[in-house]
Amino acid sequence: MAENTYVLQTAGFDARFPNQNQTKHWSQNFVDYHKCVNAKGEDFAPCQQFKKAFRALCPNEWAAKWEEQIEAGTFPASLKP
């Protein structure tokens, strides 16, 4: 039988956010992802790096709440490219 091999990855180091508190790091990646998608489309491969980073760092409940705010038009940041 062949063994399944899984490679676990998480967000890499980002020099813009050197401190232990990663809130700004994941929130910026969330915004950058949506700006990228709005500019280039969801299939644009570089956008996926932002998505991987915020999914790895962001609490799921917060991301879900922000997605709801985007849909409702109440998200507090601009997502225009």
N, C-alpha and C. Protein backbone atom coordinates (compact mmCIF):
# COMPACT_ATOMS: atom_id res chain seq x y z
N MET A 1 0.83 -1.19 0.00
CA MET A 1 0.00 0.00 0.00
C MET A 1 0.87 1.25 0.00
N ALA A 2 0.43 2.23 -0.74
CA ALA A 2 1.16 3.49 -0.78
C ALA A 2 0.76 4.33 0.43
N GLU A 3 1.74 4.98 0.99
CA GLU A 3 1.49 5.83 2.14
C GLU A 3 1.11 7.23 1.67
N ASN A 4 0.11 7.82 2.30
CA ASN A 4 -0.24 9.20 1.99
C ASN A 4 0.75 10.13 2.66
N THR A 5 1.23 11.09 1.93
CA THR A 5 2.16 12.05 2.48
C THR A 5 1.50 13.42 2.46
N TYR A 6 1.47 14.05 3.60
CA TYR A 6 0.88 15.37 3.73
C TYR A 6 1.97 16.36 4.06
N VAL A 7 1.93 17.49 3.39
CA VAL A 7 2.88 18.56 3.66
C VAL A 7 2.10 19.69 4.30
N LEU A 8 2.41 19.97 5.55
CA LEU A 8 1.75 21.05 6.26
C LEU A 8 2.51 22.34 6.01
N GLN A 9 1.77 23.37 5.65
CA GLN A 9 2.39 24.67 5.41
C GLN A 9 1.61 25.72 6.16
N THR A 10 2.31 26.74 6.55
CA THR A 10 1.68 27.87 7.19
C THR A 10 2.25 29.14 6.59
N ALA A 11 1.75 30.25 7.01
CA ALA A 11 2.24 31.53 6.47
C ALA A 11 3.70 31.71 6.86
N GLY A 12 4.48 32.18 5.92
CA GLY A 12 5.89 32.44 6.18
C GLY A 12 6.10 33.74 6.91
N PHE A 13 7.34 34.02 7.23
CA PHE A 13 7.70 35.25 7.92
C PHE A 13 7.42 36.44 7.02
N ASP A 14 6.85 37.48 7.57
CA ASP A 14 6.60 38.72 6.85
C ASP A 14 7.26 39.84 7.64
N ALA A 15 8.27 40.45 7.08
CA ALA A 15 9.05 41.47 7.78
C ALA A 15 8.21 42.68 8.18
N ARG A 16 7.05 42.85 7.55
CA ARG A 16 6.19 43.98 7.93
C ARG A 16 5.58 43.78 9.31
N PHE A 17 5.58 42.53 9.81
CA PHE A 17 4.93 42.19 11.07
C PHE A 17 5.87 41.35 11.93
N PRO A 18 6.94 41.96 12.50
CA PRO A 18 7.95 41.20 13.22
C PRO A 18 7.55 40.80 14.65
N ASN A 19 6.50 41.36 15.17
CA ASN A 19 6.12 41.10 16.57
C ASN A 19 5.29 39.83 16.71
N GLN A 20 5.12 39.40 17.94
CA GLN A 20 4.35 38.19 18.21
C GLN A 20 2.87 38.36 17.88
N ASN A 21 2.34 39.56 18.09
CA ASN A 21 0.92 39.79 17.80
C ASN A 21 0.72 39.78 16.29
N GLN A 22 0.02 38.78 15.79
CA GLN A 22 -0.13 38.60 14.35
C GLN A 22 -1.46 39.13 13.82
N THR A 23 -2.22 39.84 14.64
CA THR A 23 -3.52 40.34 14.20
C THR A 23 -3.40 41.19 12.95
N LYS A 24 -2.49 42.13 12.93
CA LYS A 24 -2.32 42.98 11.75
C LYS A 24 -1.86 42.15 10.55
N HIS A 25 -1.03 41.16 10.80
CA HIS A 25 -0.52 40.31 9.73
C HIS A 25 -1.66 39.60 9.01
N TRP A 26 -2.52 38.90 9.75
CA TRP A 26 -3.58 38.17 9.06
C TRP A 26 -4.66 39.07 8.53
N SER A 27 -4.95 40.17 9.21
CA SER A 27 -5.98 41.07 8.69
C SER A 27 -5.52 41.73 7.39
N GLN A 28 -4.23 42.06 7.31
CA GLN A 28 -3.70 42.65 6.07
C GLN A 28 -3.74 41.62 4.93
N ASN A 29 -3.42 40.37 5.23
CA ASN A 29 -3.49 39.33 4.20
C ASN A 29 -4.93 39.10 3.75
N PHE A 30 -5.89 39.21 4.66
CA PHE A 30 -7.30 39.07 4.30
C PHE A 30 -7.69 40.17 3.32
N VAL A 31 -7.34 41.41 3.65
CA VAL A 31 -7.66 42.54 2.77
C VAL A 31 -6.91 42.41 1.45
N ASP A 32 -5.62 42.07 1.50
CA ASP A 32 -4.84 41.92 0.27
C ASP A 32 -5.41 40.84 -0.63
N TYR A 33 -5.89 39.74 -0.05
CA TYR A 33 -6.49 38.68 -0.84
C TYR A 33 -7.71 39.20 -1.60
N HIS A 34 -8.59 39.89 -0.90
CA HIS A 34 -9.81 40.39 -1.54
C HIS A 34 -9.50 41.47 -2.58
N LYS A 35 -8.52 42.31 -2.31
CA LYS A 35 -8.11 43.30 -3.31
C LYS A 35 -7.56 42.61 -4.55
N CYS A 36 -6.76 41.59 -4.35
CA CYS A 36 -6.16 40.84 -5.45
C CYS A 36 -7.25 40.17 -6.28
N VAL A 37 -8.20 39.53 -5.62
CA VAL A 37 -9.30 38.86 -6.32
C VAL A 37 -10.13 39.88 -7.10
N ASN A 38 -10.37 41.03 -6.49
CA ASN A 38 -11.15 42.06 -7.18
C ASN A 38 -10.41 42.61 -8.40
N ALA A 39 -9.09 42.60 -8.34
CA ALA A 39 -8.29 43.12 -9.46
C ALA A 39 -8.03 42.08 -10.54
N LYS A 40 -7.73 40.85 -10.13
CA LYS A 40 -7.25 39.84 -11.07
C LYS A 40 -8.15 38.61 -11.19
N GLY A 41 -9.07 38.42 -10.27
CA GLY A 41 -9.94 37.25 -10.30
C GLY A 41 -9.43 36.16 -9.37
N GLU A 42 -10.35 35.31 -8.95
CA GLU A 42 -10.02 34.28 -7.97
C GLU A 42 -9.04 33.24 -8.49
N ASP A 43 -8.99 33.05 -9.79
CA ASP A 43 -8.09 32.05 -10.37
C ASP A 43 -6.66 32.55 -10.54
N PHE A 44 -6.39 33.80 -10.23
CA PHE A 44 -5.04 34.36 -10.36
C PHE A 44 -4.19 33.78 -9.22
N ALA A 45 -3.20 32.97 -9.60
CA ALA A 45 -2.42 32.19 -8.63
C ALA A 45 -1.80 33.01 -7.49
N PRO A 46 -1.21 34.18 -7.74
CA PRO A 46 -0.61 34.93 -6.62
C PRO A 46 -1.61 35.31 -5.52
N CYS A 47 -2.88 35.43 -5.86
CA CYS A 47 -3.89 35.74 -4.83
C CYS A 47 -3.97 34.62 -3.79
N GLN A 48 -3.68 33.41 -4.21
CA GLN A 48 -3.80 32.27 -3.32
C GLN A 48 -2.80 32.32 -2.17
N GLN A 49 -1.67 32.99 -2.36
CA GLN A 49 -0.69 33.13 -1.28
C GLN A 49 -1.27 33.95 -0.13
N PHE A 50 -1.99 35.03 -0.48
CA PHE A 50 -2.65 35.83 0.56
C PHE A 50 -3.71 34.99 1.28
N LYS A 51 -4.45 34.19 0.51
CA LYS A 51 -5.50 33.36 1.09
C LYS A 51 -4.90 32.33 2.05
N LYS A 52 -3.82 31.68 1.63
CA LYS A 52 -3.17 30.70 2.50
C LYS A 52 -2.71 31.35 3.80
N ALA A 53 -2.15 32.55 3.69
CA ALA A 53 -1.64 33.23 4.87
C ALA A 53 -2.77 33.59 5.84
N PHE A 54 -3.86 34.19 5.34
CA PHE A 54 -4.90 34.57 6.29
C PHE A 54 -5.64 33.36 6.83
N ARG A 55 -5.79 32.30 6.04
CA ARG A 55 -6.44 31.08 6.53
C ARG A 55 -5.59 30.41 7.62
N ALA A 56 -4.28 30.51 7.50
CA ALA A 56 -3.39 29.89 8.49
C ALA A 56 -3.35 30.70 9.79
N LEU A 57 -3.52 32.01 9.70
CA LEU A 57 -3.33 32.87 10.85
C LEU A 57 -4.63 33.37 11.48
N CYS A 58 -5.67 33.51 10.69
CA CYS A 58 -6.90 34.16 11.13
C CYS A 58 -7.85 33.18 11.80
N PRO A 59 -8.40 33.55 12.95
CA PRO A 59 -9.44 32.70 13.56
C PRO A 59 -10.61 32.55 12.58
N ASN A 60 -11.08 31.33 12.39
CA ASN A 60 -12.15 31.06 11.42
C ASN A 60 -13.39 31.90 11.66
N GLU A 61 -13.75 32.11 12.92
CA GLU A 61 -14.95 32.88 13.24
C GLU A 61 -14.82 34.32 12.77
N TRP A 62 -13.63 34.89 12.91
CA TRP A 62 -13.42 36.27 12.49
C TRP A 62 -13.47 36.38 10.98
N ALA A 63 -12.83 35.44 10.28
CA ALA A 63 -12.84 35.46 8.82
C ALA A 63 -14.27 35.32 8.31
N ALA A 64 -15.05 34.44 8.93
CA ALA A 64 -16.44 34.25 8.52
C ALA A 64 -17.25 35.53 8.74
N LYS A 65 -17.01 36.19 9.87
CA LYS A 65 -17.71 37.44 10.15
C LYS A 65 -17.34 38.50 9.13
N TRP A 66 -16.07 38.59 8.78
CA TRP A 66 -15.63 39.58 7.80
C TRP A 66 -16.21 39.27 6.42
N GLU A 67 -16.31 38.00 6.07
CA GLU A 67 -16.91 37.62 4.78
C GLU A 67 -18.38 38.06 4.76
N GLU A 68 -19.08 37.89 5.89
CA GLU A 68 -20.47 38.33 5.99
C GLU A 68 -20.56 39.85 5.84
N GLN A 69 -19.62 40.57 6.45
CA GLN A 69 -19.61 42.02 6.33
C GLN A 69 -19.37 42.46 4.89
N ILE A 70 -18.49 41.76 4.19
CA ILE A 70 -18.23 42.08 2.79
C ILE A 70 -19.51 41.92 1.98
N GLU A 71 -20.20 40.80 2.18
CA GLU A 71 -21.45 40.54 1.45
C GLU A 71 -22.52 41.58 1.78
N ALA A 72 -22.55 42.05 3.02
CA ALA A 72 -23.55 43.03 3.44
C ALA A 72 -23.13 44.46 3.10
N GLY A 73 -21.89 44.63 2.63
CA GLY A 73 -21.41 45.97 2.31
C GLY A 73 -21.02 46.79 3.52
N THR A 74 -20.75 46.12 4.65
CA THR A 74 -20.41 46.84 5.89
C THR A 74 -18.97 46.62 6.34
N PHE A 75 -18.16 45.96 5.51
CA PHE A 75 -16.76 45.74 5.90
C PHE A 75 -16.06 47.08 6.00
N PRO A 76 -15.30 47.32 7.08
CA PRO A 76 -14.77 48.66 7.35
C PRO A 76 -13.56 49.10 6.50
N ALA A 77 -13.06 48.26 5.64
CA ALA A 77 -11.90 48.64 4.82
C ALA A 77 -12.26 48.60 3.34
N SER A 78 -11.57 49.39 2.56
CA SER A 78 -11.77 49.37 1.11
C SER A 78 -11.12 48.12 0.52
N LEU A 79 -11.84 47.45 -0.35
CA LEU A 79 -11.30 46.27 -1.02
C LEU A 79 -11.10 46.54 -2.50
N LYS A 80 -11.10 47.81 -2.86
CA LYS A 80 -10.85 48.18 -4.25
C LYS A 80 -9.37 48.01 -4.54
N PRO A 81 -9.05 47.48 -5.73
CA PRO A 81 -7.62 47.27 -6.06
C PRO A 81 -6.86 48.59 -6.20
